[in-house]
Amino acid sequence: MRISNFADLVTSIGIVVLAVLLYIVLNNQNKIVALVALGLWLAEALFLAISKGWLGNRVMPLCCFCKKKEIIK
């Protein structure tokens, strides 16, 4: 594993940890805002993982209705 991949993995884990901490802090004040913030931060971590290819070597394109079903490597 390259160092840059490892650094991005640590960044993604840090995003999840900070999202959970933010949810814990905001949950007592405003539950809706806490859930929205948690969801957005988890989406950011997920998109980072997809863009770096950690969820597998092949990710289907977002346009699944295209005539060409190419796999991005």
C-alpha atoms as a PDB file:
ATOM      1  CA  MET A   1       0.000   0.000   0.000  1.00  0.00           C
ATOM      2  CA  ARG A   2       1.348   3.390  -0.911  1.00  0.00           C
ATOM      3  CA  ILE A   3       1.830   6.062   1.712  1.00  0.00           C
ATOM      4  CA  SER A   4      -0.626   8.374  -0.053  1.00  0.00           C
ATOM      5  CA  ASN A   5      -3.300   5.665   0.021  1.00  0.00           C
ATOM      6  CA  PHE A   6      -2.661   5.109   3.702  1.00  0.00           C
ATOM      7  CA  ALA A   7      -2.877   8.858   4.372  1.00  0.00           C
ATOM      8  CA  ASP A   8      -6.200   9.046   2.519  1.00  0.00           C
ATOM      9  CA  LEU A   9      -7.493   6.082   4.509  1.00  0.00           C
ATOM     10  CA  VAL A  10      -6.542   7.817   7.751  1.00  0.00           C
ATOM     11  CA  THR A  11      -8.286  10.962   6.483  1.00  0.00           C
ATOM     12  CA  SER A  12     -11.460   9.015   5.771  1.00  0.00           C
ATOM     13  CA  ILE A  13     -11.395   7.406   9.207  1.00  0.00           C
ATOM     14  CA  GLY A  14     -10.830  10.833  10.752  1.00  0.00           C
ATOM     15  CA  ILE A  15     -13.868  12.187   8.905  1.00  0.00           C
ATOM     16  CA  VAL A  16     -16.043   9.414  10.343  1.00  0.00           C
ATOM     17  CA  VAL A  17     -14.719   9.961  13.880  1.00  0.00           C
ATOM     18  CA  LEU A  18     -15.280  13.715  13.691  1.00  0.00           C
ATOM     19  CA  ALA A  19     -18.777  13.172  12.274  1.00  0.00           C
ATOM     20  CA  VAL A  20     -19.711  10.935  15.192  1.00  0.00           C
ATOM     21  CA  LEU A  21     -18.292  13.419  17.702  1.00  0.00           C
ATOM     22  CA  LEU A  22     -20.218  16.265  16.065  1.00  0.00           C
ATOM     23  CA  TYR A  23     -23.401  14.189  16.217  1.00  0.00           C
ATOM     24  CA  ILE A  24     -22.882  13.500  19.920  1.00  0.00           C
ATOM     25  CA  VAL A  25     -22.379  17.202  20.655  1.00  0.00           C
ATOM     26  CA  LEU A  26     -25.272  18.469  18.522  1.00  0.00           C
ATOM     27  CA  ASN A  27     -27.739  15.714  19.397  1.00  0.00           C
ATOM     28  CA  ASN A  28     -28.795  17.358  22.661  1.00  0.00           C
ATOM     29  CA  GLN A  29     -29.300  20.770  21.045  1.00  0.00           C
ATOM     30  CA  ASN A  30     -30.942  19.970  17.707  1.00  0.00           C
ATOM     31  CA  LYS A  31     -31.442  16.390  16.565  1.00  0.00           C
ATOM     32  CA  ILE A  32     -32.345  17.247  12.945  1.00  0.00           C
ATOM     33  CA  VAL A  33     -29.225  19.355  12.422  1.00  0.00           C
ATOM     34  CA  ALA A  34     -27.145  16.618  14.044  1.00  0.00           C
ATOM     35  CA  LEU A  35     -28.550  13.965  11.702  1.00  0.00           C
ATOM     36  CA  VAL A  36     -28.039  16.135   8.608  1.00  0.00           C
ATOM     37  CA  ALA A  37     -24.446  16.911   9.601  1.00  0.00           C
ATOM     38  CA  LEU A  38     -23.732  13.245  10.324  1.00  0.00           C
ATOM     39  CA  GLY A  39     -25.207  12.183   6.997  1.00  0.00           C
ATOM     40  CA  LEU A  40     -23.237  14.748   5.014  1.00  0.00           C
ATOM     41  CA  TRP A  41     -19.949  13.888   6.677  1.00  0.00           C
ATOM     42  CA  LEU A  42     -20.506  10.156   6.220  1.00  0.00           C
ATOM     43  CA  ALA A  43     -21.316  10.815   2.555  1.00  0.00           C
ATOM     44  CA  GLU A  44     -18.036  12.731   2.256  1.00  0.00           C
ATOM     45  CA  ALA A  45     -16.111   9.780   3.709  1.00  0.00           C
ATOM     46  CA  LEU A  46     -17.951   7.392   1.372  1.00  0.00           C
ATOM     47  CA  PHE A  47     -17.228   9.500  -1.711  1.00  0.00           C
ATOM     48  CA  LEU A  48     -13.574   9.738  -0.703  1.00  0.00           C
ATOM     49  CA  ALA A  49     -13.413   5.953  -0.374  1.00  0.00           C
ATOM     50  CA  ILE A  50     -15.082   5.468  -3.765  1.00  0.00           C
ATOM     51  CA  SER A  51     -12.871   8.021  -5.501  1.00  0.00           C
ATOM     52  CA  LYS A  52      -9.708   6.402  -4.142  1.00  0.00           C
ATOM     53  CA  GLY A  53     -10.883   2.901  -5.066  1.00  0.00           C
ATOM     54  CA  TRP A  54     -10.934   1.421  -1.556  1.00  0.00           C
ATOM     55  CA  LEU A  55     -14.326  -0.190  -2.083  1.00  0.00           C
ATOM     56  CA  GLY A  56     -12.972  -2.470  -4.744  1.00  0.00           C
ATOM     57  CA  ASN A  57     -10.892  -2.105  -7.859  1.00  0.00           C
ATOM     58  CA  ARG A  58     -13.904  -1.615 -10.091  1.00  0.00           C
ATOM     59  CA  VAL A  59     -16.612   0.913  -9.448  1.00  0.00           C
ATOM     60  CA  MET A  60     -19.553   1.200 -11.811  1.00  0.00           C
ATOM     61  CA  PRO A  61     -20.011   4.674 -13.261  1.00  0.00           C
ATOM     62  CA  LEU A  62     -22.740   6.863 -11.835  1.00  0.00           C
ATOM     63  CA  CYS A  63     -24.479   6.834 -15.202  1.00  0.00           C
ATOM     64  CA  CYS A  64     -25.720   3.247 -15.064  1.00  0.00           C
ATOM     65  CA  PHE A  65     -28.235   3.835 -17.826  1.00  0.00           C
ATOM     66  CA  CYS A  66     -25.617   4.435 -20.489  1.00  0.00           C
ATOM     67  CA  LYS A  67     -25.534   2.097 -23.461  1.00  0.00           C
ATOM     68  CA  LYS A  68     -21.914   1.250 -22.736  1.00  0.00           C
ATOM     69  CA  LYS A  69     -21.488  -0.622 -19.477  1.00  0.00           C
ATOM     70  CA  GLU A  70     -17.826   0.144 -18.991  1.00  0.00           C
ATOM     71  CA  ILE A  71     -16.066  -0.480 -15.739  1.00  0.00           C
ATOM     72  CA  ILE A  72     -13.768   2.208 -14.412  1.00  0.00           C
ATOM     73  CA  LYS A  73     -10.391   0.908 -13.320  1.00  0.00           C
END
